[in-house]
Amino acid sequence: MLDRHDRVIRRLAEACRREDVTALAAVLDVDAVATCDGGGLVPGPAGPAHGAADVARLVVTWLCGRAGAELTVESVNSRAGLALRRGSRAVAVVAAETAGAKVTALWIVLNPAKLSGWHRG
């Protein structure tokens, strides 16, 4: 049986796969925060995104609709999170915090140096 956190992350992933900003914003807490870690190797946002609308736009930009990429729900830090892969190579891994039926925080790792353990094959 999936716990509430898992169900929320699956809703987030499905909204992202559909590139549905409205559905993304609906699963995000009004005060949600997202932080990207590009490690200076991947261009990314200068600072965290705050609020459901800004976080939804950030998620669409960095995780949704990436040509040739697959978004999957996987265990990240022992909880449901997201992995974005192009072929066998991870291009992003997302850890999430939830409260109730909403995502309150996302940590999006884009830094290739931190993603090598996520590559397949």
PDB file of N, CA and C in Angstrom:
ATOM      1  N   MET A   1       0.846  -1.186   0.000  1.00  0.00           N
ATOM      2  CA  MET A   1       0.000   0.000   0.000  1.00  0.00           C
ATOM      3  C   MET A   1       0.889   1.247   0.000  1.00  0.00           C
ATOM      4  N   LEU A   2       0.604   2.161  -0.880  1.00  0.00           N
ATOM      5  CA  LEU A   2       1.383   3.396  -0.944  1.00  0.00           C
ATOM      6  C   LEU A   2       1.011   4.316   0.202  1.00  0.00           C
ATOM      7  N   ASP A   3       2.010   4.954   0.779  1.00  0.00           N
ATOM      8  CA  ASP A   3       1.690   5.935   1.801  1.00  0.00           C
ATOM      9  C   ASP A   3       1.356   7.272   1.132  1.00  0.00           C
ATOM     10  N   ARG A   4       0.908   8.216   1.921  1.00  0.00           N
ATOM     11  CA  ARG A   4       0.455   9.503   1.389  1.00  0.00           C
ATOM     12  C   ARG A   4       1.569  10.201   0.606  1.00  0.00           C
ATOM     13  N   HIS A   5       2.792  10.189   1.142  1.00  0.00           N
ATOM     14  CA  HIS A   5       3.919  10.823   0.464  1.00  0.00           C
ATOM     15  C   HIS A   5       4.073  10.245  -0.953  1.00  0.00           C
ATOM     16  N   ASP A   6       4.041   8.920  -1.068  1.00  0.00           N
ATOM     17  CA  ASP A   6       4.185   8.273  -2.372  1.00  0.00           C
ATOM     18  C   ASP A   6       3.086   8.716  -3.331  1.00  0.00           C
ATOM     19  N   ARG A   7       1.859   8.773  -2.855  1.00  0.00           N
ATOM     20  CA  ARG A   7       0.742   9.187  -3.717  1.00  0.00           C
ATOM     21  C   ARG A   7       0.921  10.622  -4.200  1.00  0.00           C
ATOM     22  N   VAL A   8       1.388  11.507  -3.323  1.00  0.00           N
ATOM     23  CA  VAL A   8       1.606  12.906  -3.702  1.00  0.00           C
ATOM     24  C   VAL A   8       2.693  12.997  -4.773  1.00  0.00           C
ATOM     25  N   ILE A   9       3.776  12.262  -4.603  1.00  0.00           N
ATOM     26  CA  ILE A   9       4.876  12.296  -5.570  1.00  0.00           C
ATOM     27  C   ILE A   9       4.434  11.710  -6.904  1.00  0.00           C
ATOM     28  N   ARG A  10       3.619  10.694  -6.889  1.00  0.00           N
ATOM     29  CA  ARG A  10       3.093  10.130  -8.138  1.00  0.00           C
ATOM     30  C   ARG A  10       2.191  11.140  -8.852  1.00  0.00           C
ATOM     31  N   ARG A  11       1.414  11.907  -8.108  1.00  0.00           N
ATOM     32  CA  ARG A  11       0.593  12.971  -8.716  1.00  0.00           C
ATOM     33  C   ARG A  11       1.491  14.045  -9.335  1.00  0.00           C
ATOM     34  N   LEU A  12       2.565  14.394  -8.641  1.00  0.00           N
ATOM     35  CA  LEU A  12       3.522  15.375  -9.159  1.00  0.00           C
ATOM     36  C   LEU A  12       4.135  14.864 -10.465  1.00  0.00           C
ATOM     37  N   ALA A  13       4.562  13.608 -10.472  1.00  0.00           N
ATOM     38  CA  ALA A  13       5.184  13.023 -11.667  1.00  0.00           C
ATOM     39  C   ALA A  13       4.198  13.002 -12.833  1.00  0.00           C
ATOM     40  N   GLU A  14       2.966  12.607 -12.575  1.00  0.00           N
ATOM     41  CA  GLU A  14       1.965  12.541 -13.647  1.00  0.00           C
ATOM     42  C   GLU A  14       1.681  13.930 -14.221  1.00  0.00           C
ATOM     43  N   ALA A  15       1.558  14.926 -13.373  1.00  0.00           N
ATOM     44  CA  ALA A  15       1.339  16.300 -13.849  1.00  0.00           C
ATOM     45  C   ALA A  15       2.525  16.754 -14.694  1.00  0.00           C
ATOM     46  N   CYS A  16       3.724  16.388 -14.282  1.00  0.00           N
ATOM     47  CA  CYS A  16       4.924  16.762 -15.027  1.00  0.00           C
ATOM     48  C   CYS A  16       4.953  16.056 -16.381  1.00  0.00           C
ATOM     49  N   ARG A  17       4.620  14.773 -16.403  1.00  0.00           N
ATOM     50  CA  ARG A  17       4.608  14.040 -17.671  1.00  0.00           C
ATOM     51  C   ARG A  17       3.629  14.666 -18.657  1.00  0.00           C
ATOM     52  N   ARG A  18       2.528  15.211 -18.151  1.00  0.00           N
ATOM     53  CA  ARG A  18       1.526  15.863 -19.007  1.00  0.00           C
ATOM     54  C   ARG A  18       1.882  17.325 -19.286  1.00  0.00           C
ATOM     55  N   GLU A  19       2.951  17.813 -18.638  1.00  0.00           N
ATOM     56  CA  GLU A  19       3.362  19.221 -18.750  1.00  0.00           C
ATOM     57  C   GLU A  19       2.201  20.151 -18.378  1.00  0.00           C
ATOM     58  N   ASP A  20       1.481  19.766 -17.331  1.00  0.00           N
ATOM     59  CA  ASP A  20       0.283  20.468 -16.884  1.00  0.00           C
ATOM     60  C   ASP A  20       0.637  21.368 -15.697  1.00  0.00           C
ATOM     61  N   VAL A  21       0.900  22.640 -15.980  1.00  0.00           N
ATOM     62  CA  VAL A  21       1.311  23.587 -14.937  1.00  0.00           C
ATOM     63  C   VAL A  21       0.224  23.735 -13.882  1.00  0.00           C
ATOM     64  N   THR A  22      -1.039  23.723 -14.292  1.00  0.00           N
ATOM     65  CA  THR A  22      -2.145  23.863 -13.338  1.00  0.00           C
ATOM     66  C   THR A  22      -2.172  22.679 -12.377  1.00  0.00           C
ATOM     67  N   ALA A  23      -2.013  21.461 -12.901  1.00  0.00           N
ATOM     68  CA  ALA A  23      -1.990  20.274 -12.044  1.00  0.00           C
ATOM     69  C   ALA A  23      -0.754  20.268 -11.149  1.00  0.00           C
ATOM     70  N   LEU A  24       0.378  20.744 -11.669  1.00  0.00           N
ATOM     71  CA  LEU A  24       1.581  20.848 -10.842  1.00  0.00           C
ATOM     72  C   LEU A  24       1.338  21.800  -9.679  1.00  0.00           C
ATOM     73  N   ALA A  25       0.818  22.973  -9.978  1.00  0.00           N
ATOM     74  CA  ALA A  25       0.563  23.962  -8.925  1.00  0.00           C
ATOM     75  C   ALA A  25      -0.421  23.416  -7.900  1.00  0.00           C
ATOM     76  N   ALA A  26      -1.381  22.598  -8.334  1.00  0.00           N
ATOM     77  CA  ALA A  26      -2.379  22.046  -7.420  1.00  0.00           C
ATOM     78  C   ALA A  26      -1.783  21.066  -6.416  1.00  0.00           C
ATOM     79  N   VAL A  27      -0.710  20.384  -6.785  1.00  0.00           N
ATOM     80  CA  VAL A  27      -0.082  19.426  -5.870  1.00  0.00           C
ATOM     81  C   VAL A  27       0.965  20.100  -4.975  1.00  0.00           C
ATOM     82  N   LEU A  28       1.282  21.360  -5.280  1.00  0.00           N
ATOM     83  CA  LEU A  28       2.277  22.102  -4.497  1.00  0.00           C
ATOM     84  C   LEU A  28       1.606  22.940  -3.420  1.00  0.00           C
ATOM     85  N   ASP A  29       2.211  22.968  -2.250  1.00  0.00           N
ATOM     86  CA  ASP A  29       1.759  23.843  -1.183  1.00  0.00           C
ATOM     87  C   ASP A  29       1.912  25.292  -1.620  1.00  0.00           C
ATOM     88  N   VAL A  30       1.033  26.149  -1.173  1.00  0.00           N
ATOM     89  CA  VAL A  30       1.078  27.565  -1.548  1.00  0.00           C
ATOM     90  C   VAL A  30       2.443  28.180  -1.219  1.00  0.00           C
ATOM     91  N   ASP A  31       3.103  27.686  -0.174  1.00  0.00           N
ATOM     92  CA  ASP A  31       4.409  28.204   0.237  1.00  0.00           C
ATOM     93  C   ASP A  31       5.558  27.270  -0.148  1.00  0.00           C
ATOM     94  N   ALA A  32       5.351  26.417  -1.136  1.00  0.00           N
ATOM     95  CA  ALA A  32       6.381  25.462  -1.548  1.00  0.00           C
ATOM     96  C   ALA A  32       7.673  26.182  -1.943  1.00  0.00           C
ATOM     97  N   VAL A  33       8.789  25.476  -1.740  1.00  0.00           N
ATOM     98  CA  VAL A  33      10.117  25.993  -2.096  1.00  0.00           C
ATOM     99  C   VAL A  33      10.830  24.911  -2.902  1.00  0.00           C
ATOM    100  N   ALA A  34      11.531  25.326  -3.955  1.00  0.00           N
ATOM    101  CA  ALA A  34      12.348  24.394  -4.741  1.00  0.00           C
ATOM    102  C   ALA A  34      13.743  24.972  -4.887  1.00  0.00           C
ATOM    103  N   THR A  35      14.731  24.133  -4.662  1.00  0.00           N
ATOM    104  CA  THR A  35      16.125  24.527  -4.778  1.00  0.00           C
ATOM    105  C   THR A  35      16.812  23.608  -5.773  1.00  0.00           C
ATOM    106  N   CYS A  36      17.558  24.195  -6.700  1.00  0.00           N
ATOM    107  CA  CYS A  36      18.309  23.420  -7.691  1.00  0.00           C
ATOM    108  C   CYS A  36      19.794  23.445  -7.350  1.00  0.00           C
ATOM    109  N   ASP A  37      20.453  22.311  -7.542  1.00  0.00           N
ATOM    110  CA  ASP A  37      21.895  22.195  -7.343  1.00  0.00           C
ATOM    111  C   ASP A  37      22.525  21.806  -8.669  1.00  0.00           C
ATOM    112  N   GLY A  38      23.042  22.807  -9.365  1.00  0.00           N
ATOM    113  CA  GLY A  38      23.758  22.549 -10.605  1.00  0.00           C
ATOM    114  C   GLY A  38      25.250  22.459 -10.391  1.00  0.00           C
ATOM    115  N   GLY A  39      25.705  22.771  -9.179  1.00  0.00           N
ATOM    116  CA  GLY A  39      27.119  22.677  -8.837  1.00  0.00           C
ATOM    117  C   GLY A  39      28.017  23.573  -9.670  1.00  0.00           C
ATOM    118  N   GLY A  40      27.441  24.587 -10.310  1.00  0.00           N
ATOM    119  CA  GLY A  40      28.228  25.456 -11.169  1.00  0.00           C
ATOM    120  C   GLY A  40      28.568  24.812 -12.509  1.00  0.00           C
ATOM    121  N   LEU A  41      28.113  23.556 -12.702  1.00  0.00           N
ATOM    122  CA  LEU A  41      28.401  22.828 -13.926  1.00  0.00           C
ATOM    123  C   LEU A  41      27.225  22.836 -14.895  1.00  0.00           C
ATOM    124  N   VAL A  42      26.038  23.068 -14.359  1.00  0.00           N
ATOM    125  CA  VAL A  42      24.817  23.120 -15.156  1.00  0.00           C
ATOM    126  C   VAL A  42      24.155  24.458 -14.869  1.00  0.00           C
ATOM    127  N   PRO A  43      23.862  25.234 -15.897  1.00  0.00           N
ATOM    128  CA  PRO A  43      23.180  26.498 -15.633  1.00  0.00           C
ATOM    129  C   PRO A  43      21.829  26.220 -14.994  1.00  0.00           C
ATOM    130  N   GLY A  44      21.496  26.996 -14.018  1.00  0.00           N
ATOM    131  CA  GLY A  44      20.222  26.803 -13.333  1.00  0.00           C
ATOM    132  C   GLY A  44      19.794  28.085 -12.666  1.00  0.00           C
ATOM    133  N   PRO A  45      18.693  28.021 -11.958  1.00  0.00           N
ATOM    134  CA  PRO A  45      18.206  29.210 -11.255  1.00  0.00           C
ATOM    135  C   PRO A  45      19.242  29.719 -10.257  1.00  0.00           C
ATOM    136  N   ALA A  46      19.295  31.029 -10.099  1.00  0.00           N
ATOM    137  CA  ALA A  46      20.259  31.646  -9.190  1.00  0.00           C
ATOM    138  C   ALA A  46      19.933  31.369  -7.730  1.00  0.00           C
ATOM    139  N   GLY A  47      18.669  31.176  -7.431  1.00  0.00           N
ATOM    140  CA  GLY A  47      18.254  30.929  -6.052  1.00  0.00           C
ATOM    141  C   GLY A  47      17.009  30.075  -6.032  1.00  0.00           C
ATOM    142  N   PRO A  48      16.506  29.805  -4.843  1.00  0.00           N
ATOM    143  CA  PRO A  48      15.310  28.970  -4.719  1.00  0.00           C
ATOM    144  C   PRO A  48      14.082  29.640  -5.333  1.00  0.00           C
ATOM    145  N   ALA A  49      13.146  28.811  -5.780  1.00  0.00           N
ATOM    146  CA  ALA A  49      11.837  29.288  -6.226  1.00  0.00           C
ATOM    147  C   ALA A  49      10.896  29.190  -5.032  1.00  0.00           C
ATOM    148  N   HIS A  50      10.058  30.185  -4.873  1.00  0.00           N
ATOM    149  CA  HIS A  50       9.128  30.237  -3.734  1.00  0.00           C
ATOM    150  C   HIS A  50       7.696  30.367  -4.243  1.00  0.00           C
ATOM    151  N   GLY A  51       6.787  29.593  -3.652  1.00  0.00           N
ATOM    152  CA  GLY A  51       5.373  29.655  -3.997  1.00  0.00           C
ATOM    153  C   GLY A  51       5.019  28.654  -5.079  1.00  0.00           C
ATOM    154  N   ALA A  52       3.789  28.180  -5.038  1.00  0.00           N
ATOM    155  CA  ALA A  52       3.346  27.128  -5.959  1.00  0.00           C
ATOM    156  C   ALA A  52       3.534  27.506  -7.422  1.00  0.00           C
ATOM    157  N   ALA A  53       3.192  28.728  -7.799  1.00  0.00           N
ATOM    158  CA  ALA A  53       3.282  29.120  -9.218  1.00  0.00           C
ATOM    159  C   ALA A  53       4.726  29.124  -9.702  1.00  0.00           C
ATOM    160  N   ASP A  54       5.647  29.709  -8.914  1.00  0.00           N
ATOM    161  CA  ASP A  54       7.054  29.755  -9.316  1.00  0.00           C
ATOM    162  C   ASP A  54       7.689  28.367  -9.314  1.00  0.00           C
ATOM    163  N   VAL A  55       7.352  27.555  -8.312  1.00  0.00           N
ATOM    164  CA  VAL A  55       7.905  26.196  -8.261  1.00  0.00           C
ATOM    165  C   VAL A  55       7.380  25.383  -9.439  1.00  0.00           C
ATOM    166  N   ALA A  56       6.107  25.524  -9.772  1.00  0.00           N
ATOM    167  CA  ALA A  56       5.542  24.800 -10.917  1.00  0.00           C
ATOM    168  C   ALA A  56       6.273  25.181 -12.204  1.00  0.00           C
ATOM    169  N   ARG A  57       6.543  26.457 -12.397  1.00  0.00           N
ATOM    170  CA  ARG A  57       7.272  26.896 -13.599  1.00  0.00           C
ATOM    171  C   ARG A  57       8.688  26.315 -13.616  1.00  0.00           C
ATOM    172  N   LEU A  58       9.349  26.300 -12.458  1.00  0.00           N
ATOM    173  CA  LEU A  58      10.692  25.735 -12.378  1.00  0.00           C
ATOM    174  C   LEU A  58      10.662  24.244 -12.735  1.00  0.00           C
ATOM    175  N   VAL A  59       9.696  23.515 -12.205  1.00  0.00           N
ATOM    176  CA  VAL A  59       9.582  22.080 -12.492  1.00  0.00           C
ATOM    177  C   VAL A  59       9.343  21.850 -13.980  1.00  0.00           C
ATOM    178  N   VAL A  60       8.472  22.633 -14.583  1.00  0.00           N
ATOM    179  CA  VAL A  60       8.214  22.490 -16.016  1.00  0.00           C
ATOM    180  C   VAL A  60       9.494  22.742 -16.806  1.00  0.00           C
ATOM    181  N   THR A  61      10.242  23.752 -16.421  1.00  0.00           N
ATOM    182  CA  THR A  61      11.474  24.103 -17.132  1.00  0.00           C
ATOM    183  C   THR A  61      12.529  23.011 -17.033  1.00  0.00           C
ATOM    184  N   TRP A  62      12.724  22.438 -15.853  1.00  0.00           N
ATOM    185  CA  TRP A  62      13.848  21.541 -15.628  1.00  0.00           C
ATOM    186  C   TRP A  62      13.519  20.053 -15.697  1.00  0.00           C
ATOM    187  N   LEU A  63      12.233  19.686 -15.544  1.00  0.00           N
ATOM    188  CA  LEU A  63      11.910  18.261 -15.475  1.00  0.00           C
ATOM    189  C   LEU A  63      10.899  17.777 -16.510  1.00  0.00           C
ATOM    190  N   CYS A  64      10.047  18.641 -16.993  1.00  0.00           N
ATOM    191  CA  CYS A  64       8.934  18.207 -17.845  1.00  0.00           C
ATOM    192  C   CYS A  64       9.266  18.371 -19.324  1.00  0.00           C
ATOM    193  N   GLY A  65       8.735  17.457 -20.107  1.00  0.00           N
ATOM    194  CA  GLY A  65       8.820  17.585 -21.551  1.00  0.00           C
ATOM    195  C   GLY A  65      10.214  17.624 -22.136  1.00  0.00           C
ATOM    196  N   ARG A  66      11.157  17.018 -21.456  1.00  0.00           N
ATOM    197  CA  ARG A  66      12.528  16.981 -21.969  1.00  0.00           C
ATOM    198  C   ARG A  66      12.609  15.905 -23.042  1.00  0.00           C
ATOM    199  N   ALA A  67      12.911  16.294 -24.253  1.00  0.00           N
ATOM    200  CA  ALA A  67      12.959  15.359 -25.383  1.00  0.00           C
ATOM    201  C   ALA A  67      13.891  14.196 -25.083  1.00  0.00           C
ATOM    202  N   GLY A  68      13.387  12.995 -25.298  1.00  0.00           N
ATOM    203  CA  GLY A  68      14.194  11.794 -25.115  1.00  0.00           C
ATOM    204  C   GLY A  68      14.459  11.428 -23.675  1.00  0.00           C
ATOM    205  N   ALA A  69      13.785  12.082 -22.731  1.00  0.00           N
ATOM    206  CA  ALA A  69      14.023  11.806 -21.310  1.00  0.00           C
ATOM    207  C   ALA A  69      12.806  11.128 -20.689  1.00  0.00           C
ATOM    208  N   GLU A  70      13.053  10.311 -19.692  1.00  0.00           N
ATOM    209  CA  GLU A  70      11.999   9.590 -18.981  1.00  0.00           C
ATOM    210  C   GLU A  70      12.017   9.993 -17.508  1.00  0.00           C
ATOM    211  N   LEU A  71      10.862  10.382 -16.986  1.00  0.00           N
ATOM    212  CA  LEU A  71      10.707  10.742 -15.581  1.00  0.00           C
ATOM    213  C   LEU A  71      10.088   9.559 -14.845  1.00  0.00           C
ATOM    214  N   THR A  72      10.771   9.086 -13.804  1.00  0.00           N
ATOM    215  CA  THR A  72      10.282   7.941 -13.040  1.00  0.00           C
ATOM    216  C   THR A  72      10.221   8.278 -11.560  1.00  0.00           C
ATOM    217  N   VAL A  73       9.332   7.584 -10.860  1.00  0.00           N
ATOM    218  CA  VAL A  73       9.253   7.687  -9.407  1.00  0.00           C
ATOM    219  C   VAL A  73      10.178   6.624  -8.843  1.00  0.00           C
ATOM    220  N   GLU A  74      11.118   7.052  -7.999  1.00  0.00           N
ATOM    221  CA  GLU A  74      12.100   6.138  -7.428  1.00  0.00           C
ATOM    222  C   GLU A  74      12.369   6.514  -5.982  1.00  0.00           C
ATOM    223  N   SER A  75      13.043   5.636  -5.273  1.00  0.00           N
ATOM    224  CA  SER A  75      13.424   5.934  -3.899  1.00  0.00           C
ATOM    225  C   SER A  75      14.601   6.904  -3.899  1.00  0.00           C
ATOM    226  N   VAL A  76      14.389   8.055  -3.277  1.00  0.00           N
ATOM    227  CA  VAL A  76      15.426   9.078  -3.136  1.00  0.00           C
ATOM    228  C   VAL A  76      15.509   9.398  -1.646  1.00  0.00           C
ATOM    229  N   ASN A  77      16.661   9.164  -1.055  1.00  0.00           N
ATOM    230  CA  ASN A  77      16.822   9.362   0.388  1.00  0.00           C
ATOM    231  C   ASN A  77      15.775   8.572   1.172  1.00  0.00           C
ATOM    232  N   SER A  78      15.505   7.350   0.719  1.00  0.00           N
ATOM    233  CA  SER A  78      14.587   6.412   1.368  1.00  0.00           C
ATOM    234  C   SER A  78      13.115   6.810   1.308  1.00  0.00           C
ATOM    235  N   ARG A  79      12.763   7.761   0.455  1.00  0.00           N
ATOM    236  CA  ARG A  79      11.362   8.174   0.255  1.00  0.00           C
ATOM    237  C   ARG A  79      11.134   8.291  -1.243  1.00  0.00           C
ATOM    238  N   ALA A  80       9.876   8.322  -1.638  1.00  0.00           N
ATOM    239  CA  ALA A  80       9.571   8.492  -3.056  1.00  0.00           C
ATOM    240  C   ALA A  80      10.089   9.839  -3.529  1.00  0.00           C
ATOM    241  N   GLY A  81      10.744   9.818  -4.661  1.00  0.00           N
ATOM    242  CA  GLY A  81      11.255  11.016  -5.307  1.00  0.00           C
ATOM    243  C   GLY A  81      11.213  10.782  -6.806  1.00  0.00           C
ATOM    244  N   LEU A  82      11.903  11.611  -7.555  1.00  0.00           N
ATOM    245  CA  LEU A  82      11.869  11.515  -9.006  1.00  0.00           C
ATOM    246  C   LEU A  82      13.275  11.401  -9.578  1.00  0.00           C
ATOM    247  N   ALA A  83      13.382  10.675 -10.668  1.00  0.00           N
ATOM    248  CA  ALA A  83      14.633  10.614 -11.425  1.00  0.00           C
ATOM    249  C   ALA A  83      14.300  10.896 -12.886  1.00  0.00           C
ATOM    250  N   LEU A  84      15.086  11.738 -13.501  1.00  0.00           N
ATOM    251  CA  LEU A  84      14.932  12.050 -14.917  1.00  0.00           C
ATOM    252  C   LEU A  84      16.168  11.516 -15.618  1.00  0.00           C
ATOM    253  N   ARG A  85      15.935  10.630 -16.598  1.00  0.00           N
ATOM    254  CA  ARG A  85      17.048  10.029 -17.331  1.00  0.00           C
ATOM    255  C   ARG A  85      16.865  10.224 -18.823  1.00  0.00           C
ATOM    256  N   ARG A  86      17.980  10.414 -19.471  1.00  0.00           N
ATOM    257  CA  ARG A  86      18.033  10.407 -20.932  1.00  0.00           C
ATOM    258  C   ARG A  86      18.869   9.185 -21.262  1.00  0.00           C
ATOM    259  N   GLY A  87      18.194   8.180 -21.818  1.00  0.00           N
ATOM    260  CA  GLY A  87      18.869   6.897 -22.015  1.00  0.00           C
ATOM    261  C   GLY A  87      19.190   6.314 -20.650  1.00  0.00           C
ATOM    262  N   SER A  88      20.420   5.904 -20.458  1.00  0.00           N
ATOM    263  CA  SER A  88      20.817   5.320 -19.174  1.00  0.00           C
ATOM    264  C   SER A  88      21.410   6.354 -18.220  1.00  0.00           C
ATOM    265  N   ARG A  89      21.511   7.603 -18.655  1.00  0.00           N
ATOM    266  CA  ARG A  89      22.168   8.644 -17.851  1.00  0.00           C
ATOM    267  C   ARG A  89      21.175   9.507 -17.107  1.00  0.00           C
ATOM    268  N   ALA A  90      21.377   9.638 -15.810  1.00  0.00           N
ATOM    269  CA  ALA A  90      20.546  10.519 -14.993  1.00  0.00           C
ATOM    270  C   ALA A  90      20.910  11.969 -15.299  1.00  0.00           C
ATOM    271  N   VAL A  91      19.896  12.793 -15.498  1.00  0.00           N
ATOM    272  CA  VAL A  91      20.124  14.219 -15.727  1.00  0.00           C
ATOM    273  C   VAL A  91      19.559  15.059 -14.589  1.00  0.00           C
ATOM    274  N   ALA A  92      18.711  14.442 -13.747  1.00  0.00           N
ATOM    275  CA  ALA A  92      18.191  15.132 -12.562  1.00  0.00           C
ATOM    276  C   ALA A  92      17.631  14.090 -11.597  1.00  0.00           C
ATOM    277  N   VAL A  93      17.784  14.372 -10.319  1.00  0.00           N
ATOM    278  CA  VAL A  93      17.171  13.569  -9.262  1.00  0.00           C
ATOM    279  C   VAL A  93      16.529  14.556  -8.296  1.00  0.00           C
ATOM    280  N   VAL A  94      15.302  14.218  -7.865  1.00  0.00           N
ATOM    281  CA  VAL A  94      14.525  15.145  -7.052  1.00  0.00           C
ATOM    282  C   VAL A  94      14.102  14.473  -5.750  1.00  0.00           C
ATOM    283  N   ALA A  95      14.481  15.079  -4.644  1.00  0.00           N
ATOM    284  CA  ALA A  95      13.988  14.680  -3.330  1.00  0.00           C
ATOM    285  C   ALA A  95      12.860  15.639  -2.972  1.00  0.00           C
ATOM    286  N   ALA A  96      11.899  15.139  -2.217  1.00  0.00           N
ATOM    287  CA  ALA A  96      10.738  15.966  -1.899  1.00  0.00           C
ATOM    288  C   ALA A  96      10.323  15.802  -0.450  1.00  0.00           C
ATOM    289  N   GLU A  97       9.734  16.855   0.058  1.00  0.00           N
ATOM    290  CA  GLU A  97       9.104  16.837   1.375  1.00  0.00           C
ATOM    291  C   GLU A  97       7.636  17.144   1.150  1.00  0.00           C
ATOM    292  N   THR A  98       6.783  16.408   1.860  1.00  0.00           N
ATOM    293  CA  THR A  98       5.348  16.630   1.725  1.00  0.00           C
ATOM    294  C   THR A  98       4.722  16.854   3.100  1.00  0.00           C
ATOM    295  N   ALA A  99       3.562  17.484   3.073  1.00  0.00           N
ATOM    296  CA  ALA A  99       2.731  17.631   4.263  1.00  0.00           C
ATOM    297  C   ALA A  99       1.297  17.447   3.793  1.00  0.00           C
ATOM    298  N   GLY A 100       0.626  16.441   4.338  1.00  0.00           N
ATOM    299  CA  GLY A 100      -0.713  16.146   3.863  1.00  0.00           C
ATOM    300  C   GLY A 100      -0.669  15.744   2.409  1.00  0.00           C
ATOM    301  N   ALA A 101      -1.478  16.392   1.580  1.00  0.00           N
ATOM    302  CA  ALA A 101      -1.576  16.053   0.165  1.00  0.00           C
ATOM    303  C   ALA A 101      -0.781  17.007  -0.723  1.00  0.00           C
ATOM    304  N   LYS A 102       0.168  17.750  -0.134  1.00  0.00           N
ATOM    305  CA  LYS A 102       0.906  18.765  -0.894  1.00  0.00           C
ATOM    306  C   LYS A 102       2.414  18.578  -0.756  1.00  0.00           C
ATOM    307  N   VAL A 103       3.123  18.974  -1.797  1.00  0.00           N
ATOM    308  CA  VAL A 103       4.587  19.029  -1.771  1.00  0.00           C
ATOM    309  C   VAL A 103       4.967  20.372  -1.151  1.00  0.00           C
ATOM    310  N   THR A 104       5.815  20.339  -0.139  1.00  0.00           N
ATOM    311  CA  THR A 104       6.248  21.574   0.516  1.00  0.00           C
ATOM    312  C   THR A 104       7.652  21.999   0.095  1.00  0.00           C
ATOM    313  N   ALA A 105       8.482  21.039  -0.321  1.00  0.00           N
ATOM    314  CA  ALA A 105       9.852  21.375  -0.718  1.00  0.00           C
ATOM    315  C   ALA A 105      10.372  20.358  -1.730  1.00  0.00           C
ATOM    316  N   LEU A 106      11.136  20.875  -2.685  1.00  0.00           N
ATOM    317  CA  LEU A 106      11.819  20.042  -3.673  1.00  0.00           C
ATOM    318  C   LEU A 106      13.290  20.411  -3.693  1.00  0.00           C
ATOM    319  N   TRP A 107      14.147  19.400  -3.757  1.00  0.00           N
ATOM    320  CA  TRP A 107      15.578  19.596  -3.941  1.00  0.00           C
ATOM    321  C   TRP A 107      15.922  18.904  -5.246  1.00  0.00           C
ATOM    322  N   ILE A 108      16.274  19.678  -6.251  1.00  0.00           N
ATOM    323  CA  ILE A 108      16.516  19.165  -7.597  1.00  0.00           C
ATOM    324  C   ILE A 108      18.020  19.157  -7.860  1.00  0.00           C
ATOM    325  N   VAL A 109      18.594  17.968  -7.957  1.00  0.00           N
ATOM    326  CA  VAL A 109      20.021  17.820  -8.205  1.00  0.00           C
ATOM    327  C   VAL A 109      20.234  17.705  -9.711  1.00  0.00           C
ATOM    328  N   LEU A 110      20.962  18.668 -10.263  1.00  0.00           N
ATOM    329  CA  LEU A 110      21.304  18.700 -11.686  1.00  0.00           C
ATOM    330  C   LEU A 110      22.799  18.521 -11.899  1.00  0.00           C
ATOM    331  N   ASN A 111      23.572  18.616 -10.834  1.00  0.00           N
ATOM    332  CA  ASN A 111      25.030  18.547 -10.863  1.00  0.00           C
ATOM    333  C   ASN A 111      25.483  17.162 -11.343  1.00  0.00           C
ATOM    334  N   PRO A 112      26.095  17.083 -12.525  1.00  0.00           N
ATOM    335  CA  PRO A 112      26.514  15.778 -13.053  1.00  0.00           C
ATOM    336  C   PRO A 112      27.435  15.011 -12.107  1.00  0.00           C
ATOM    337  N   ALA A 113      28.236  15.693 -11.337  1.00  0.00           N
ATOM    338  CA  ALA A 113      29.157  15.026 -10.407  1.00  0.00           C
ATOM    339  C   ALA A 113      28.396  14.270  -9.313  1.00  0.00           C
ATOM    340  N   LYS A 114      27.188  14.695  -9.001  1.00  0.00           N
ATOM    341  CA  LYS A 114      26.395  14.051  -7.963  1.00  0.00           C
ATOM    342  C   LYS A 114      25.419  13.019  -8.526  1.00  0.00           C
ATOM    343  N   LEU A 115      25.349  12.915  -9.852  1.00  0.00           N
ATOM    344  CA  LEU A 115      24.361  12.028 -10.466  1.00  0.00           C
ATOM    345  C   LEU A 115      24.936  10.703 -10.960  1.00  0.00           C
ATOM    346  N   SER A 116      26.255  10.540 -10.920  1.00  0.00           N
ATOM    347  CA  SER A 116      26.869   9.350 -11.513  1.00  0.00           C
ATOM    348  C   SER A 116      26.340   8.050 -10.906  1.00  0.00           C
ATOM    349  N   GLY A 117      26.018   8.041  -9.638  1.00  0.00           N
ATOM    350  CA  GLY A 117      25.480   6.843  -8.989  1.00  0.00           C
ATOM    351  C   GLY A 117      24.065   6.496  -9.433  1.00  0.00           C
ATOM    352  N   TRP A 118      23.433   7.403 -10.140  1.00  0.00           N
ATOM    353  CA  TRP A 118      22.070   7.205 -10.624  1.00  0.00           C
ATOM    354  C   TRP A 118      22.017   6.696 -12.056  1.00  0.00           C
ATOM    355  N   HIS A 119      23.166   6.641 -12.738  1.00  0.00           N
ATOM    356  CA  HIS A 119      23.189   6.137 -14.111  1.00  0.00           C
ATOM    357  C   HIS A 119      22.874   4.634 -14.100  1.00  0.00           C
ATOM    358  N   ARG A 120      22.252   4.170 -15.166  1.00  0.00           N
ATOM    359  CA  ARG A 120      21.935   2.745 -15.301  1.00  0.00           C
ATOM    360  C   ARG A 120      22.880   2.090 -16.291  1.00  0.00           C
ATOM    361  N   GLY A 121      23.119   0.800 -16.077  1.00  0.00           N
ATOM    362  CA  GLY A 121      23.872  -0.002 -17.042  1.00  0.00           C
ATOM    363  C   GLY A 121      25.286   0.348 -17.078  1.00  0.00           C
TER     364      GLY A 121
END
